[in-house]
């Protein structure tokens, strides 16, 4: 099921999401940062968002131009380990 937005456009949502993610990272809030990456990864896995939607939004928010291959490397080496660490905390009852 696609992500349904009622009070904002997809572009507005993406801008707010990446800004909040950046703020959590900058503040050193690892729990919020991990939760947001975990949530995002789950939405892609569930088919609510496509990998390309997320890549395009990331590129727009960070002023980047990652190709699909670069994005896949970023997801594998950066986002997935963050998601896995957060999932481990959930599974262990630490959150």
PDB file of N, CA and C in Angstrom:
ATOM      1  N   UNK A   1       0.840  -1.162   0.000  1.00  0.00           N
ATOM      2  CA  UNK A   1       0.000   0.000   0.000  1.00  0.00           C
ATOM      3  C   UNK A   1       0.897   1.241   0.000  1.00  0.00           C
ATOM      4  N   UNK A   2       0.623   2.156  -0.870  1.00  0.00           N
ATOM      5  CA  UNK A   2       1.413   3.380  -0.979  1.00  0.00           C
ATOM      6  C   UNK A   2       1.194   4.270   0.239  1.00  0.00           C
ATOM      7  N   UNK A   3       2.191   5.057   0.542  1.00  0.00           N
ATOM      8  CA  UNK A   3       2.111   6.007   1.637  1.00  0.00           C
ATOM      9  C   UNK A   3       1.125   7.097   1.243  1.00  0.00           C
ATOM     10  N   UNK A   4       0.068   7.283   2.025  1.00  0.00           N
ATOM     11  CA  UNK A   4      -0.957   8.269   1.721  1.00  0.00           C
ATOM     12  C   UNK A   4      -0.726   9.524   2.556  1.00  0.00           C
ATOM     13  N   UNK A   5      -0.581  10.635   1.884  1.00  0.00           N
ATOM     14  CA  UNK A   5      -0.367  11.918   2.556  1.00  0.00           C
ATOM     15  C   UNK A   5      -1.587  12.793   2.345  1.00  0.00           C
ATOM     16  N   UNK A   6      -2.067  13.406   3.402  1.00  0.00           N
ATOM     17  CA  UNK A   6      -3.278  14.221   3.292  1.00  0.00           C
ATOM     18  C   UNK A   6      -3.028  15.713   3.456  1.00  0.00           C
ATOM     19  N   UNK A   7      -1.995  16.064   4.187  1.00  0.00           N
ATOM     20  CA  UNK A   7      -1.789  17.471   4.510  1.00  0.00           C
ATOM     21  C   UNK A   7      -0.485  18.028   3.964  1.00  0.00           C
ATOM     22  N   UNK A   8       0.177  17.270   3.123  1.00  0.00           N
ATOM     23  CA  UNK A   8       1.424  17.722   2.519  1.00  0.00           C
ATOM     24  C   UNK A   8       1.690  16.906   1.266  1.00  0.00           C
ATOM     25  N   UNK A   9       2.499  17.464   0.405  1.00  0.00           N
ATOM     26  CA  UNK A   9       2.879  16.731  -0.797  1.00  0.00           C
ATOM     27  C   UNK A   9       4.007  15.762  -0.460  1.00  0.00           C
ATOM     28  N   UNK A  10       4.264  14.847  -1.361  1.00  0.00           N
ATOM     29  CA  UNK A  10       5.367  13.901  -1.143  1.00  0.00           C
ATOM     30  C   UNK A  10       6.695  14.643  -1.024  1.00  0.00           C
ATOM     31  N   UNK A  11       6.872  15.689  -1.820  1.00  0.00           N
ATOM     32  CA  UNK A  11       8.111  16.469  -1.764  1.00  0.00           C
ATOM     33  C   UNK A  11       8.253  17.181  -0.416  1.00  0.00           C
ATOM     34  N   UNK A  12       7.150  17.715   0.109  1.00  0.00           N
ATOM     35  CA  UNK A  12       7.195  18.373   1.415  1.00  0.00           C
ATOM     36  C   UNK A  12       7.519  17.363   2.512  1.00  0.00           C
ATOM     37  N   UNK A  13       6.894  16.191   2.427  1.00  0.00           N
ATOM     38  CA  UNK A  13       7.176  15.143   3.408  1.00  0.00           C
ATOM     39  C   UNK A  13       8.647  14.758   3.363  1.00  0.00           C
ATOM     40  N   UNK A  14       9.166  14.547   2.158  1.00  0.00           N
ATOM     41  CA  UNK A  14      10.566  14.132   2.010  1.00  0.00           C
ATOM     42  C   UNK A  14      11.508  15.189   2.582  1.00  0.00           C
ATOM     43  N   UNK A  15      11.239  16.454   2.289  1.00  0.00           N
ATOM     44  CA  UNK A  15      12.095  17.529   2.799  1.00  0.00           C
ATOM     45  C   UNK A  15      12.081  17.546   4.323  1.00  0.00           C
ATOM     46  N   UNK A  16      10.912  17.395   4.918  1.00  0.00           N
ATOM     47  CA  UNK A  16      10.807  17.389   6.383  1.00  0.00           C
ATOM     48  C   UNK A  16      11.487  16.154   6.977  1.00  0.00           C
ATOM     49  N   UNK A  17      11.286  15.009   6.340  1.00  0.00           N
ATOM     50  CA  UNK A  17      11.893  13.779   6.839  1.00  0.00           C
ATOM     51  C   UNK A  17      13.408  13.896   6.859  1.00  0.00           C
ATOM     52  N   UNK A  18      14.008  14.293   5.731  1.00  0.00           N
ATOM     53  CA  UNK A  18      15.473  14.371   5.666  1.00  0.00           C
ATOM     54  C   UNK A  18      16.013  15.460   6.587  1.00  0.00           C
ATOM     55  N   UNK A  19      15.268  16.561   6.749  1.00  0.00           N
ATOM     56  CA  UNK A  19      15.715  17.615   7.669  1.00  0.00           C
ATOM     57  C   UNK A  19      15.713  17.099   9.109  1.00  0.00           C
ATOM     58  N   UNK A  20      14.682  16.340   9.481  1.00  0.00           N
ATOM     59  CA  UNK A  20      14.625  15.792  10.834  1.00  0.00           C
ATOM     60  C   UNK A  20      15.709  14.738  11.034  1.00  0.00           C
ATOM     61  N   UNK A  21      15.965  13.936  10.018  1.00  0.00           N
ATOM     62  CA  UNK A  21      17.022  12.931  10.098  1.00  0.00           C
ATOM     63  C   UNK A  21      18.381  13.607  10.281  1.00  0.00           C
ATOM     64  N   UNK A  22      18.623  14.652   9.506  1.00  0.00           N
ATOM     65  CA  UNK A  22      19.882  15.402   9.619  1.00  0.00           C
ATOM     66  C   UNK A  22      20.009  16.027  11.002  1.00  0.00           C
ATOM     67  N   UNK A  23      18.907  16.573  11.524  1.00  0.00           N
ATOM     68  CA  UNK A  23      18.936  17.189  12.854  1.00  0.00           C
ATOM     69  C   UNK A  23      19.244  16.154  13.937  1.00  0.00           C
ATOM     70  N   UNK A  24      18.665  14.969  13.822  1.00  0.00           N
ATOM     71  CA  UNK A  24      18.933  13.906  14.799  1.00  0.00           C
ATOM     72  C   UNK A  24      20.401  13.502  14.744  1.00  0.00           C
ATOM     73  N   UNK A  25      20.945  13.387  13.551  1.00  0.00           N
ATOM     74  CA  UNK A  25      22.352  13.022  13.391  1.00  0.00           C
ATOM     75  C   UNK A  25      23.259  14.102  13.987  1.00  0.00           C
ATOM     76  N   UNK A  26      22.973  15.352  13.668  1.00  0.00           N
ATOM     77  CA  UNK A  26      23.775  16.475  14.149  1.00  0.00           C
ATOM     78  C   UNK A  26      23.734  16.576  15.670  1.00  0.00           C
ATOM     79  N   UNK A  27      22.555  16.307  16.244  1.00  0.00           N
ATOM     80  CA  UNK A  27      22.401  16.389  17.701  1.00  0.00           C
ATOM     81  C   UNK A  27      22.963  15.166  18.419  1.00  0.00           C
ATOM     82  N   UNK A  28      23.349  14.150  17.653  1.00  0.00           N
ATOM     83  CA  UNK A  28      23.867  12.934  18.264  1.00  0.00           C
ATOM     84  C   UNK A  28      22.775  12.054  18.859  1.00  0.00           C
ATOM     85  N   UNK A  29      21.542  12.256  18.413  1.00  0.00           N
ATOM     86  CA  UNK A  29      20.402  11.481  18.907  1.00  0.00           C
ATOM     87  C   UNK A  29      20.321  10.172  18.128  1.00  0.00           C
ATOM     88  N   UNK A  30      21.097   9.190  18.566  1.00  0.00           N
ATOM     89  CA  UNK A  30      21.206   7.934  17.833  1.00  0.00           C
ATOM     90  C   UNK A  30      19.904   7.143  17.826  1.00  0.00           C
ATOM     91  N   UNK A  31      19.098   7.272  18.870  1.00  0.00           N
ATOM     92  CA  UNK A  31      17.836   6.535  18.920  1.00  0.00           C
ATOM     93  C   UNK A  31      16.872   7.063  17.865  1.00  0.00           C
ATOM     94  N   UNK A  32      16.678   8.364  17.804  1.00  0.00           N
ATOM     95  CA  UNK A  32      15.786   8.941  16.791  1.00  0.00           C
ATOM     96  C   UNK A  32      16.333   8.678  15.399  1.00  0.00           C
ATOM     97  N   UNK A  33      17.614   8.833  15.224  1.00  0.00           N
ATOM     98  CA  UNK A  33      18.245   8.599  13.925  1.00  0.00           C
ATOM     99  C   UNK A  33      18.039   7.149  13.483  1.00  0.00           C
ATOM    100  N   UNK A  34      18.300   6.221  14.388  1.00  0.00           N
ATOM    101  CA  UNK A  34      18.115   4.814  14.059  1.00  0.00           C
ATOM    102  C   UNK A  34      16.665   4.470  13.783  1.00  0.00           C
ATOM    103  N   UNK A  35      15.749   5.033  14.581  1.00  0.00           N
ATOM    104  CA  UNK A  35      14.316   4.781  14.380  1.00  0.00           C
ATOM    105  C   UNK A  35      13.853   5.275  13.019  1.00  0.00           C
ATOM    106  N   UNK A  36      14.333   6.439  12.619  1.00  0.00           N
ATOM    107  CA  UNK A  36      13.913   6.993  11.329  1.00  0.00           C
ATOM    108  C   UNK A  36      14.459   6.177  10.164  1.00  0.00           C
ATOM    109  N   UNK A  37      15.712   5.753  10.255  1.00  0.00           N
ATOM    110  CA  UNK A  37      16.288   4.904   9.203  1.00  0.00           C
ATOM    111  C   UNK A  37      15.552   3.569   9.169  1.00  0.00           C
ATOM    112  N   UNK A  38      15.277   3.000  10.343  1.00  0.00           N
ATOM    113  CA  UNK A  38      14.532   1.746  10.449  1.00  0.00           C
ATOM    114  C   UNK A  38      13.151   1.882   9.799  1.00  0.00           C
ATOM    115  N   UNK A  39      12.459   2.984  10.100  1.00  0.00           N
ATOM    116  CA  UNK A  39      11.128   3.232   9.545  1.00  0.00           C
ATOM    117  C   UNK A  39      11.199   3.343   8.019  1.00  0.00           C
ATOM    118  N   UNK A  40      12.152   4.112   7.536  1.00  0.00           N
ATOM    119  CA  UNK A  40      12.305   4.317   6.100  1.00  0.00           C
ATOM    120  C   UNK A  40      12.587   2.995   5.388  1.00  0.00           C
ATOM    121  N   UNK A  41      13.491   2.224   5.944  1.00  0.00           N
ATOM    122  CA  UNK A  41      13.838   0.928   5.356  1.00  0.00           C
ATOM    123  C   UNK A  41      12.610   0.018   5.319  1.00  0.00           C
ATOM    124  N   UNK A  42      11.827   0.053   6.389  1.00  0.00           N
ATOM    125  CA  UNK A  42      10.597  -0.747   6.442  1.00  0.00           C
ATOM    126  C   UNK A  42       9.583  -0.336   5.397  1.00  0.00           C
ATOM    127  N   UNK A  43       9.471   0.956   5.144  1.00  0.00           N
ATOM    128  CA  UNK A  43       8.526   1.442   4.130  1.00  0.00           C
ATOM    129  C   UNK A  43       8.937   0.999   2.728  1.00  0.00           C
ATOM    130  N   UNK A  44      10.226   0.958   2.474  1.00  0.00           N
ATOM    131  CA  UNK A  44      10.711   0.472   1.172  1.00  0.00           C
ATOM    132  C   UNK A  44      10.445  -1.025   1.067  1.00  0.00           C
ATOM    133  N   UNK A  45      10.759  -1.775   2.126  1.00  0.00           N
ATOM    134  CA  UNK A  45      10.543  -3.221   2.111  1.00  0.00           C
ATOM    135  C   UNK A  45       9.067  -3.568   1.938  1.00  0.00           C
ATOM    136  N   UNK A  46       8.180  -2.766   2.521  1.00  0.00           N
ATOM    137  CA  UNK A  46       6.738  -3.013   2.432  1.00  0.00           C
ATOM    138  C   UNK A  46       6.160  -2.575   1.092  1.00  0.00           C
ATOM    139  N   UNK A  47       6.924  -1.836   0.310  1.00  0.00           N
ATOM    140  CA  UNK A  47       6.438  -1.361  -0.977  1.00  0.00           C
ATOM    141  C   UNK A  47       5.679  -0.047  -0.904  1.00  0.00           C
ATOM    142  N   UNK A  48       5.670   0.585   0.270  1.00  0.00           N
ATOM    143  CA  UNK A  48       5.000   1.883   0.409  1.00  0.00           C
ATOM    144  C   UNK A  48       5.783   2.981  -0.296  1.00  0.00           C
ATOM    145  N   UNK A  49       7.092   2.839  -0.319  1.00  0.00           N
ATOM    146  CA  UNK A  49       7.982   3.759  -1.025  1.00  0.00           C
ATOM    147  C   UNK A  49       8.889   2.922  -1.910  1.00  0.00           C
ATOM    148  N   UNK A  50       9.276   3.476  -3.024  1.00  0.00           N
ATOM    149  CA  UNK A  50      10.230   2.759  -3.866  1.00  0.00           C
ATOM    150  C   UNK A  50      11.642   3.223  -3.528  1.00  0.00           C
ATOM    151  N   UNK A  51      12.585   2.373  -3.810  1.00  0.00           N
ATOM    152  CA  UNK A  51      13.989   2.703  -3.603  1.00  0.00           C
ATOM    153  C   UNK A  51      14.344   3.974  -4.380  1.00  0.00           C
ATOM    154  N   UNK A  52      13.809   4.099  -5.579  1.00  0.00           N
ATOM    155  CA  UNK A  52      14.088   5.281  -6.401  1.00  0.00           C
ATOM    156  C   UNK A  52      13.479   6.541  -5.794  1.00  0.00           C
ATOM    157  N   UNK A  53      12.265   6.449  -5.233  1.00  0.00           N
ATOM    158  CA  UNK A  53      11.646   7.607  -4.568  1.00  0.00           C
ATOM    159  C   UNK A  53      12.553   8.126  -3.451  1.00  0.00           C
ATOM    160  N   UNK A  54      13.059   7.207  -2.672  1.00  0.00           N
ATOM    161  CA  UNK A  54      13.902   7.582  -1.537  1.00  0.00           C
ATOM    162  C   UNK A  54      15.215   8.178  -2.029  1.00  0.00           C
ATOM    163  N   UNK A  55      15.792   7.588  -3.056  1.00  0.00           N
ATOM    164  CA  UNK A  55      17.057   8.098  -3.615  1.00  0.00           C
ATOM    165  C   UNK A  55      16.877   9.507  -4.158  1.00  0.00           C
ATOM    166  N   UNK A  56      15.820   9.743  -4.900  1.00  0.00           N
ATOM    167  CA  UNK A  56      15.564  11.074  -5.476  1.00  0.00           C
ATOM    168  C   UNK A  56      15.350  12.101  -4.360  1.00  0.00           C
ATOM    169  N   UNK A  57      14.597  11.715  -3.329  1.00  0.00           N
ATOM    170  CA  UNK A  57      14.353  12.628  -2.213  1.00  0.00           C
ATOM    171  C   UNK A  57      15.652  12.924  -1.463  1.00  0.00           C
ATOM    172  N   UNK A  58      16.472  11.905  -1.259  1.00  0.00           N
ATOM    173  CA  UNK A  58      17.768  12.086  -0.606  1.00  0.00           C
ATOM    174  C   UNK A  58      18.634  13.038  -1.415  1.00  0.00           C
ATOM    175  N   UNK A  59      18.714  12.799  -2.719  1.00  0.00           N
ATOM    176  CA  UNK A  59      19.515  13.663  -3.584  1.00  0.00           C
ATOM    177  C   UNK A  59      19.052  15.112  -3.506  1.00  0.00           C
ATOM    178  N   UNK A  60      17.739  15.323  -3.512  1.00  0.00           N
ATOM    179  CA  UNK A  60      17.201  16.686  -3.442  1.00  0.00           C
ATOM    180  C   UNK A  60      17.511  17.335  -2.095  1.00  0.00           C
ATOM    181  N   UNK A  61      17.360  16.576  -1.019  1.00  0.00           N
ATOM    182  CA  UNK A  61      17.563  17.126   0.318  1.00  0.00           C
ATOM    183  C   UNK A  61      19.023  17.444   0.612  1.00  0.00           C
ATOM    184  N   UNK A  62      19.911  16.642   0.083  1.00  0.00           N
ATOM    185  CA  UNK A  62      21.333  16.808   0.382  1.00  0.00           C
ATOM    186  C   UNK A  62      22.125  17.423  -0.768  1.00  0.00           C
ATOM    187  N   UNK A  63      21.442  17.812  -1.844  1.00  0.00           N
ATOM    188  CA  UNK A  63      22.132  18.417  -2.977  1.00  0.00           C
ATOM    189  C   UNK A  63      23.113  17.466  -3.637  1.00  0.00           C
ATOM    190  N   UNK A  64      22.764  16.208  -3.665  1.00  0.00           N
ATOM    191  CA  UNK A  64      23.634  15.173  -4.226  1.00  0.00           C
ATOM    192  C   UNK A  64      23.067  14.706  -5.563  1.00  0.00           C
ATOM    193  N   UNK A  65      23.796  13.856  -6.227  1.00  0.00           N
ATOM    194  CA  UNK A  65      23.346  13.267  -7.490  1.00  0.00           C
ATOM    195  C   UNK A  65      23.796  11.806  -7.538  1.00  0.00           C
ATOM    196  N   UNK A  66      23.439  11.057  -6.488  1.00  0.00           N
ATOM    197  CA  UNK A  66      23.847   9.660  -6.441  1.00  0.00           C
ATOM    198  C   UNK A  66      23.160   8.857  -7.544  1.00  0.00           C
ATOM    199  N   UNK A  67      23.946   8.085  -8.250  1.00  0.00           N
ATOM    200  CA  UNK A  67      23.387   7.176  -9.248  1.00  0.00           C
ATOM    201  C   UNK A  67      22.767   5.992  -8.505  1.00  0.00           C
ATOM    202  N   UNK A  68      22.071   5.156  -9.229  1.00  0.00           N
ATOM    203  CA  UNK A  68      21.469   3.990  -8.601  1.00  0.00           C
ATOM    204  C   UNK A  68      22.527   3.088  -7.972  1.00  0.00           C
ATOM    205  N   UNK A  69      23.638   2.893  -8.666  1.00  0.00           N
ATOM    206  CA  UNK A  69      24.712   2.057  -8.117  1.00  0.00           C
ATOM    207  C   UNK A  69      25.298   2.682  -6.850  1.00  0.00           C
ATOM    208  N   UNK A  70      25.518   3.986  -6.861  1.00  0.00           N
ATOM    209  CA  UNK A  70      26.048   4.670  -5.674  1.00  0.00           C
ATOM    210  C   UNK A  70      25.044   4.598  -4.518  1.00  0.00           C
ATOM    211  N   UNK A  71      23.771   4.756  -4.848  1.00  0.00           N
ATOM    212  CA  UNK A  71      22.725   4.687  -3.829  1.00  0.00           C
ATOM    213  C   UNK A  71      22.686   3.301  -3.191  1.00  0.00           C
ATOM    214  N   UNK A  72      22.742   2.268  -4.017  1.00  0.00           N
ATOM    215  CA  UNK A  72      22.712   0.904  -3.498  1.00  0.00           C
ATOM    216  C   UNK A  72      23.897   0.635  -2.575  1.00  0.00           C
ATOM    217  N   UNK A  73      25.059   1.169  -2.918  1.00  0.00           N
ATOM    218  CA  UNK A  73      26.235   1.043  -2.053  1.00  0.00           C
ATOM    219  C   UNK A  73      26.010   1.779  -0.742  1.00  0.00           C
ATOM    220  N   UNK A  74      25.456   2.973  -0.802  1.00  0.00           N
ATOM    221  CA  UNK A  74      25.153   3.761   0.392  1.00  0.00           C
ATOM    222  C   UNK A  74      24.163   3.022   1.291  1.00  0.00           C
ATOM    223  N   UNK A  75      23.131   2.465   0.697  1.00  0.00           N
ATOM    224  CA  UNK A  75      22.137   1.723   1.477  1.00  0.00           C
ATOM    225  C   UNK A  75      22.787   0.514   2.143  1.00  0.00           C
ATOM    226  N   UNK A  76      23.564  -0.243   1.375  1.00  0.00           N
ATOM    227  CA  UNK A  76      24.197  -1.458   1.897  1.00  0.00           C
ATOM    228  C   UNK A  76      25.216  -1.157   2.988  1.00  0.00           C
ATOM    229  N   UNK A  77      26.037  -0.144   2.781  1.00  0.00           N
ATOM    230  CA  UNK A  77      27.138   0.138   3.701  1.00  0.00           C
ATOM    231  C   UNK A  77      26.779   1.072   4.852  1.00  0.00           C
ATOM    232  N   UNK A  78      25.728   1.873   4.695  1.00  0.00           N
ATOM    233  CA  UNK A  78      25.406   2.871   5.715  1.00  0.00           C
ATOM    234  C   UNK A  78      24.026   2.667   6.330  1.00  0.00           C
ATOM    235  N   UNK A  79      22.990   2.708   5.513  1.00  0.00           N
ATOM    236  CA  UNK A  79      21.632   2.674   6.058  1.00  0.00           C
ATOM    237  C   UNK A  79      21.247   1.307   6.623  1.00  0.00           C
ATOM    238  N   UNK A  80      21.577   0.250   5.924  1.00  0.00           N
ATOM    239  CA  UNK A  80      21.186  -1.081   6.406  1.00  0.00           C
ATOM    240  C   UNK A  80      21.847  -1.420   7.742  1.00  0.00           C
ATOM    241  N   UNK A  81      23.136  -1.153   7.951  1.00  0.00           N
ATOM    242  CA  UNK A  81      23.710  -1.416   9.277  1.00  0.00           C
ATOM    243  C   UNK A  81      23.055  -0.601  10.402  1.00  0.00           C
ATOM    244  N   UNK A  82      22.661   0.633  10.117  1.00  0.00           N
ATOM    245  CA  UNK A  82      21.969   1.450  11.120  1.00  0.00           C
ATOM    246  C   UNK A  82      20.625   0.809  11.443  1.00  0.00           C
ATOM    247  N   UNK A  83      19.922   0.402  10.410  1.00  0.00           N
ATOM    248  CA  UNK A  83      18.628  -0.258  10.588  1.00  0.00           C
ATOM    249  C   UNK A  83      18.786  -1.557  11.369  1.00  0.00           C
ATOM    250  N   UNK A  84      19.810  -2.328  11.054  1.00  0.00           N
ATOM    251  CA  UNK A  84      20.039  -3.599  11.737  1.00  0.00           C
ATOM    252  C   UNK A  84      20.368  -3.398  13.217  1.00  0.00           C
ATOM    253  N   UNK A  85      21.175  -2.374  13.536  1.00  0.00           N
ATOM    254  CA  UNK A  85      21.496  -2.086  14.938  1.00  0.00           C
ATOM    255  C   UNK A  85      20.241  -1.698  15.711  1.00  0.00           C
ATOM    256  N   UNK A  86      19.391  -0.873  15.089  1.00  0.00           N
ATOM    257  CA  UNK A  86      18.151  -0.462  15.749  1.00  0.00           C
ATOM    258  C   UNK A  86      17.238  -1.670  15.957  1.00  0.00           C
ATOM    259  N   UNK A  87      17.143  -2.539  14.957  1.00  0.00           N
ATOM    260  CA  UNK A  87      16.314  -3.744  15.071  1.00  0.00           C
ATOM    261  C   UNK A  87      16.829  -4.646  16.194  1.00  0.00           C
ATOM    262  N   UNK A  88      18.134  -4.732  16.346  1.00  0.00           N
ATOM    263  CA  UNK A  88      18.719  -5.525  17.425  1.00  0.00           C
ATOM    264  C   UNK A  88      18.305  -4.969  18.782  1.00  0.00           C
ATOM    265  N   UNK A  89      18.290  -3.649  18.919  1.00  0.00           N
ATOM    266  CA  UNK A  89      17.839  -3.037  20.164  1.00  0.00           C
ATOM    267  C   UNK A  89      16.375  -3.345  20.424  1.00  0.00           C
ATOM    268  N   UNK A  90      15.559  -3.293  19.378  1.00  0.00           N
ATOM    269  CA  UNK A  90      14.140  -3.629  19.532  1.00  0.00           C
ATOM    270  C   UNK A  90      13.965  -5.079  19.947  1.00  0.00           C
ATOM    271  N   UNK A  91      14.654  -5.962  19.267  1.00  0.00           N
ATOM    272  CA  UNK A  91      14.548  -7.395  19.542  1.00  0.00           C
ATOM    273  C   UNK A  91      15.015  -7.735  20.955  1.00  0.00           C
ATOM    274  N   UNK A  92      16.002  -7.005  21.426  1.00  0.00           N
ATOM    275  CA  UNK A  92      16.530  -7.244  22.765  1.00  0.00           C
ATOM    276  C   UNK A  92      15.734  -6.585  23.866  1.00  0.00           C
ATOM    277  N   UNK A  93      14.682  -5.867  23.505  1.00  0.00           N
ATOM    278  CA  UNK A  93      13.832  -5.202  24.501  1.00  0.00           C
ATOM    279  C   UNK A  93      14.490  -3.994  25.128  1.00  0.00           C
ATOM    280  N   UNK A  94      15.507  -3.464  24.462  1.00  0.00           N
ATOM    281  CA  UNK A  94      16.207  -2.312  25.026  1.00  0.00           C
ATOM    282  C   UNK A  94      15.528  -0.979  24.690  1.00  0.00           C
ATOM    283  N   UNK A  95      14.564  -1.019  23.806  1.00  0.00           N
ATOM    284  CA  UNK A  95      13.823   0.203  23.465  1.00  0.00           C
ATOM    285  C   UNK A  95      12.353   0.025  23.768  1.00  0.00           C
TER     286      UNK A  95
END
